[in-house]
Amino acid sequence: MQQGMQQGEVAVLHRLLQTKFGEKFTDTYRQRIDKANINTLLDWSEQVLSAQSIDEIFR
């Protein structure tokens, strides 16, 4: 179940970042997301709401 939740969060985060930042959402960020644990994914998802740049999320 944990793995399914993590895969779902990865998919949501990919979509949010692609929608908000477009071409700035590069493969480098995708790879970081794919390797992250669930707590980090949740933190990043929350940060998408207020971030002015994609770099703010991945500091």
PDB file of N, CA and C in Angstrom:
ATOM      1  N   MET A   1       0.811  -1.192   0.000  1.00  0.00           N
ATOM      2  CA  MET A   1       0.000   0.000   0.000  1.00  0.00           C
ATOM      3  C   MET A   1       0.858   1.262   0.000  1.00  0.00           C
ATOM      4  N   GLN A   2       1.934   1.265   0.772  1.00  0.00           N
ATOM      5  CA  GLN A   2       2.850   2.413   0.825  1.00  0.00           C
ATOM      6  C   GLN A   2       3.421   2.707  -0.560  1.00  0.00           C
ATOM      7  N   GLN A   3       3.788   1.664  -1.292  1.00  0.00           N
ATOM      8  CA  GLN A   3       4.352   1.856  -2.626  1.00  0.00           C
ATOM      9  C   GLN A   3       3.312   2.450  -3.574  1.00  0.00           C
ATOM     10  N   GLY A   4       2.082   2.001  -3.469  1.00  0.00           N
ATOM     11  CA  GLY A   4       1.012   2.544  -4.302  1.00  0.00           C
ATOM     12  C   GLY A   4       0.761   4.012  -4.007  1.00  0.00           C
ATOM     13  N   MET A   5       0.807   4.361  -2.731  1.00  0.00           N
ATOM     14  CA  MET A   5       0.632   5.758  -2.336  1.00  0.00           C
ATOM     15  C   MET A   5       1.776   6.612  -2.884  1.00  0.00           C
ATOM     16  N   GLN A   6       2.980   6.081  -2.809  1.00  0.00           N
ATOM     17  CA  GLN A   6       4.150   6.811  -3.301  1.00  0.00           C
ATOM     18  C   GLN A   6       4.066   7.006  -4.815  1.00  0.00           C
ATOM     19  N   GLN A   7       3.675   5.972  -5.541  1.00  0.00           N
ATOM     20  CA  GLN A   7       3.547   6.086  -6.998  1.00  0.00           C
ATOM     21  C   GLN A   7       2.488   7.117  -7.374  1.00  0.00           C
ATOM     22  N   GLY A   8       1.405   7.151  -6.628  1.00  0.00           N
ATOM     23  CA  GLY A   8       0.360   8.135  -6.874  1.00  0.00           C
ATOM     24  C   GLY A   8       0.843   9.553  -6.623  1.00  0.00           C
ATOM     25  N   GLU A   9       1.588   9.731  -5.558  1.00  0.00           N
ATOM     26  CA  GLU A   9       2.125  11.057  -5.235  1.00  0.00           C
ATOM     27  C   GLU A   9       3.136  11.506  -6.286  1.00  0.00           C
ATOM     28  N   VAL A  10       3.941  10.584  -6.779  1.00  0.00           N
ATOM     29  CA  VAL A  10       4.885  10.901  -7.861  1.00  0.00           C
ATOM     30  C   VAL A  10       4.118  11.410  -9.078  1.00  0.00           C
ATOM     31  N   ALA A  11       3.065  10.708  -9.450  1.00  0.00           N
ATOM     32  CA  ALA A  11       2.275  11.093 -10.625  1.00  0.00           C
ATOM     33  C   ALA A  11       1.638  12.470 -10.439  1.00  0.00           C
ATOM     34  N   VAL A  12       1.091  12.726  -9.263  1.00  0.00           N
ATOM     35  CA  VAL A  12       0.461  14.024  -8.992  1.00  0.00           C
ATOM     36  C   VAL A  12       1.500  15.138  -9.029  1.00  0.00           C
ATOM     37  N   LEU A  13       2.637  14.916  -8.404  1.00  0.00           N
ATOM     38  CA  LEU A  13       3.677  15.942  -8.363  1.00  0.00           C
ATOM     39  C   LEU A  13       4.208  16.236  -9.764  1.00  0.00           C
ATOM     40  N   HIS A  14       4.405  15.208 -10.561  1.00  0.00           N
ATOM     41  CA  HIS A  14       4.827  15.408 -11.957  1.00  0.00           C
ATOM     42  C   HIS A  14       3.825  16.311 -12.676  1.00  0.00           C
ATOM     43  N   ARG A  15       2.559  16.017 -12.510  1.00  0.00           N
ATOM     44  CA  ARG A  15       1.520  16.785 -13.209  1.00  0.00           C
ATOM     45  C   ARG A  15       1.454  18.234 -12.718  1.00  0.00           C
ATOM     46  N   LEU A  16       1.530  18.425 -11.413  1.00  0.00           N
ATOM     47  CA  LEU A  16       1.507  19.782 -10.860  1.00  0.00           C
ATOM     48  C   LEU A  16       2.672  20.622 -11.380  1.00  0.00           C
ATOM     49  N   LEU A  17       3.854  20.035 -11.353  1.00  0.00           N
ATOM     50  CA  LEU A  17       5.038  20.777 -11.783  1.00  0.00           C
ATOM     51  C   LEU A  17       5.021  21.052 -13.283  1.00  0.00           C
ATOM     52  N   GLN A  18       4.564  20.088 -14.060  1.00  0.00           N
ATOM     53  CA  GLN A  18       4.469  20.289 -15.507  1.00  0.00           C
ATOM     54  C   GLN A  18       3.471  21.407 -15.817  1.00  0.00           C
ATOM     55  N   THR A  19       2.360  21.411 -15.115  1.00  0.00           N
ATOM     56  CA  THR A  19       1.333  22.431 -15.344  1.00  0.00           C
ATOM     57  C   THR A  19       1.817  23.817 -14.926  1.00  0.00           C
ATOM     58  N   LYS A  20       2.463  23.899 -13.769  1.00  0.00           N
ATOM     59  CA  LYS A  20       2.863  25.207 -13.241  1.00  0.00           C
ATOM     60  C   LYS A  20       4.126  25.758 -13.899  1.00  0.00           C
ATOM     61  N   PHE A  21       5.093  24.883 -14.186  1.00  0.00           N
ATOM     62  CA  PHE A  21       6.394  25.369 -14.635  1.00  0.00           C
ATOM     63  C   PHE A  21       6.752  24.993 -16.074  1.00  0.00           C
ATOM     64  N   GLY A  22       5.954  24.163 -16.707  1.00  0.00           N
ATOM     65  CA  GLY A  22       6.166  23.826 -18.117  1.00  0.00           C
ATOM     66  C   GLY A  22       7.555  23.288 -18.414  1.00  0.00           C
ATOM     67  N   GLU A  23       8.251  23.935 -19.354  1.00  0.00           N
ATOM     68  CA  GLU A  23       9.563  23.468 -19.813  1.00  0.00           C
ATOM     69  C   GLU A  23      10.631  23.506 -18.728  1.00  0.00           C
ATOM     70  N   LYS A  24      10.415  24.269 -17.680  1.00  0.00           N
ATOM     71  CA  LYS A  24      11.386  24.331 -16.583  1.00  0.00           C
ATOM     72  C   LYS A  24      11.377  23.051 -15.753  1.00  0.00           C
ATOM     73  N   PHE A  25      10.335  22.244 -15.923  1.00  0.00           N
ATOM     74  CA  PHE A  25      10.263  20.946 -15.247  1.00  0.00           C
ATOM     75  C   PHE A  25      11.016  19.931 -16.106  1.00  0.00           C
ATOM     76  N   THR A  26      12.311  19.828 -15.847  1.00  0.00           N
ATOM     77  CA  THR A  26      13.209  19.020 -16.672  1.00  0.00           C
ATOM     78  C   THR A  26      13.347  17.592 -16.144  1.00  0.00           C
ATOM     79  N   ASP A  27      14.047  16.773 -16.910  1.00  0.00           N
ATOM     80  CA  ASP A  27      14.301  15.386 -16.513  1.00  0.00           C
ATOM     81  C   ASP A  27      15.071  15.300 -15.199  1.00  0.00           C
ATOM     82  N   THR A  28      15.905  16.274 -14.925  1.00  0.00           N
ATOM     83  CA  THR A  28      16.651  16.283 -13.659  1.00  0.00           C
ATOM     84  C   THR A  28      15.689  16.299 -12.478  1.00  0.00           C
ATOM     85  N   TYR A  29      14.663  17.142 -12.551  1.00  0.00           N
ATOM     86  CA  TYR A  29      13.660  17.193 -11.487  1.00  0.00           C
ATOM     87  C   TYR A  29      12.835  15.912 -11.457  1.00  0.00           C
ATOM     88  N   ARG A  30      12.492  15.391 -12.615  1.00  0.00           N
ATOM     89  CA  ARG A  30      11.719  14.138 -12.675  1.00  0.00           C
ATOM     90  C   ARG A  30      12.471  13.005 -11.980  1.00  0.00           C
ATOM     91  N   GLN A  31      13.758  12.927 -12.219  1.00  0.00           N
ATOM     92  CA  GLN A  31      14.569  11.872 -11.604  1.00  0.00           C
ATOM     93  C   GLN A  31      14.637  12.037 -10.088  1.00  0.00           C
ATOM     94  N   ARG A  32      14.755  13.264  -9.625  1.00  0.00           N
ATOM     95  CA  ARG A  32      14.770  13.500  -8.171  1.00  0.00           C
ATOM     96  C   ARG A  32      13.458  13.065  -7.540  1.00  0.00           C
ATOM     97  N   ILE A  33      12.361  13.375  -8.210  1.00  0.00           N
ATOM     98  CA  ILE A  33      11.046  12.980  -7.709  1.00  0.00           C
ATOM     99  C   ILE A  33      10.927  11.465  -7.676  1.00  0.00           C
ATOM    100  N   ASP A  34      11.343  10.810  -8.736  1.00  0.00           N
ATOM    101  CA  ASP A  34      11.229   9.353  -8.828  1.00  0.00           C
ATOM    102  C   ASP A  34      12.021   8.635  -7.739  1.00  0.00           C
ATOM    103  N   LYS A  35      13.078   9.261  -7.230  1.00  0.00           N
ATOM    104  CA  LYS A  35      13.931   8.638  -6.215  1.00  0.00           C
ATOM    105  C   LYS A  35      13.564   9.041  -4.785  1.00  0.00           C
ATOM    106  N   ALA A  36      12.667  10.004  -4.633  1.00  0.00           N
ATOM    107  CA  ALA A  36      12.360  10.557  -3.307  1.00  0.00           C
ATOM    108  C   ALA A  36      11.442   9.646  -2.496  1.00  0.00           C
ATOM    109  N   ASN A  37      11.525   9.783  -1.172  1.00  0.00           N
ATOM    110  CA  ASN A  37      10.622   9.039  -0.291  1.00  0.00           C
ATOM    111  C   ASN A  37       9.299   9.788  -0.160  1.00  0.00           C
ATOM    112  N   ILE A  38       8.314   9.142   0.404  1.00  0.00           N
ATOM    113  CA  ILE A  38       6.959   9.688   0.458  1.00  0.00           C
ATOM    114  C   ILE A  38       6.894  11.003   1.233  1.00  0.00           C
ATOM    115  N   ASN A  39       7.632  11.135   2.315  1.00  0.00           N
ATOM    116  CA  ASN A  39       7.599  12.375   3.097  1.00  0.00           C
ATOM    117  C   ASN A  39       8.150  13.554   2.304  1.00  0.00           C
ATOM    118  N   THR A  40       9.207  13.321   1.573  1.00  0.00           N
ATOM    119  CA  THR A  40       9.775  14.373   0.723  1.00  0.00           C
ATOM    120  C   THR A  40       8.804  14.744  -0.382  1.00  0.00           C
ATOM    121  N   LEU A  41       8.173  13.751  -0.983  1.00  0.00           N
ATOM    122  CA  LEU A  41       7.186  14.013  -2.039  1.00  0.00           C
ATOM    123  C   LEU A  41       6.042  14.878  -1.522  1.00  0.00           C
ATOM    124  N   LEU A  42       5.562  14.563  -0.335  1.00  0.00           N
ATOM    125  CA  LEU A  42       4.472  15.345   0.256  1.00  0.00           C
ATOM    126  C   LEU A  42       4.908  16.782   0.546  1.00  0.00           C
ATOM    127  N   ASP A  43       6.122  16.944   1.051  1.00  0.00           N
ATOM    128  CA  ASP A  43       6.649  18.290   1.301  1.00  0.00           C
ATOM    129  C   ASP A  43       6.733  19.087   0.003  1.00  0.00           C
ATOM    130  N   TRP A  44       7.275  18.475  -1.036  1.00  0.00           N
ATOM    131  CA  TRP A  44       7.401  19.161  -2.328  1.00  0.00           C
ATOM    132  C   TRP A  44       6.025  19.529  -2.880  1.00  0.00           C
ATOM    133  N   SER A  45       5.058  18.640  -2.734  1.00  0.00           N
ATOM    134  CA  SER A  45       3.708  18.916  -3.241  1.00  0.00           C
ATOM    135  C   SER A  45       3.104  20.141  -2.563  1.00  0.00           C
ATOM    136  N   GLU A  46       3.324  20.279  -1.270  1.00  0.00           N
ATOM    137  CA  GLU A  46       2.828  21.449  -0.547  1.00  0.00           C
ATOM    138  C   GLU A  46       3.535  22.720  -1.011  1.00  0.00           C
ATOM    139  N   GLN A  47       4.811  22.614  -1.279  1.00  0.00           N
ATOM    140  CA  GLN A  47       5.587  23.780  -1.689  1.00  0.00           C
ATOM    141  C   GLN A  47       5.195  24.289  -3.076  1.00  0.00           C
ATOM    142  N   VAL A  48       4.661  23.426  -3.918  1.00  0.00           N
ATOM    143  CA  VAL A  48       4.230  23.836  -5.256  1.00  0.00           C
ATOM    144  C   VAL A  48       3.211  24.971  -5.155  1.00  0.00           C
ATOM    145  N   LEU A  49       2.387  24.940  -4.133  1.00  0.00           N
ATOM    146  CA  LEU A  49       1.320  25.932  -3.989  1.00  0.00           C
ATOM    147  C   LEU A  49       1.839  27.360  -3.875  1.00  0.00           C
ATOM    148  N   SER A  50       2.952  27.546  -3.197  1.00  0.00           N
ATOM    149  CA  SER A  50       3.447  28.902  -2.954  1.00  0.00           C
ATOM    150  C   SER A  50       4.734  29.243  -3.696  1.00  0.00           C
ATOM    151  N   ALA A  51       5.363  28.289  -4.327  1.00  0.00           N
ATOM    152  CA  ALA A  51       6.649  28.525  -4.987  1.00  0.00           C
ATOM    153  C   ALA A  51       6.499  29.446  -6.194  1.00  0.00           C
ATOM    154  N   GLN A  52       7.416  30.392  -6.294  1.00  0.00           N
ATOM    155  CA  GLN A  52       7.461  31.286  -7.449  1.00  0.00           C
ATOM    156  C   GLN A  52       8.339  30.710  -8.558  1.00  0.00           C
ATOM    157  N   SER A  53       9.231  29.794  -8.179  1.00  0.00           N
ATOM    158  CA  SER A  53      10.095  29.136  -9.160  1.00  0.00           C
ATOM    159  C   SER A  53      10.250  27.673  -8.769  1.00  0.00           C
ATOM    160  N   ILE A  54      10.598  26.866  -9.734  1.00  0.00           N
ATOM    161  CA  ILE A  54      10.768  25.437  -9.461  1.00  0.00           C
ATOM    162  C   ILE A  54      11.959  25.201  -8.535  1.00  0.00           C
ATOM    163  N   ASP A  55      12.963  26.074  -8.622  1.00  0.00           N
ATOM    164  CA  ASP A  55      14.137  25.928  -7.757  1.00  0.00           C
ATOM    165  C   ASP A  55      13.794  26.102  -6.281  1.00  0.00           C
ATOM    166  N   GLU A  56      12.773  26.885  -5.974  1.00  0.00           N
ATOM    167  CA  GLU A  56      12.346  27.060  -4.579  1.00  0.00           C
ATOM    168  C   GLU A  56      11.910  25.734  -3.963  1.00  0.00           C
ATOM    169  N   ILE A  57      11.350  24.876  -4.756  1.00  0.00           N
ATOM    170  CA  ILE A  57      10.834  23.595  -4.270  1.00  0.00           C
ATOM    171  C   ILE A  57      11.966  22.627  -3.964  1.00  0.00           C
ATOM    172  N   PHE A  58      13.000  22.646  -4.789  1.00  0.00           N
ATOM    173  CA  PHE A  58      14.049  21.631  -4.708  1.00  0.00           C
ATOM    174  C   PHE A  58      15.340  22.127  -4.066  1.00  0.00           C
ATOM    175  N   ARG A  59      15.259  23.121  -3.207  1.00  0.00           N
ATOM    176  CA  ARG A  59      16.463  23.608  -2.508  1.00  0.00           C
ATOM    177  C   ARG A  59      17.026  22.572  -1.602  1.00  0.00           C
TER     178      ARG A  59
END
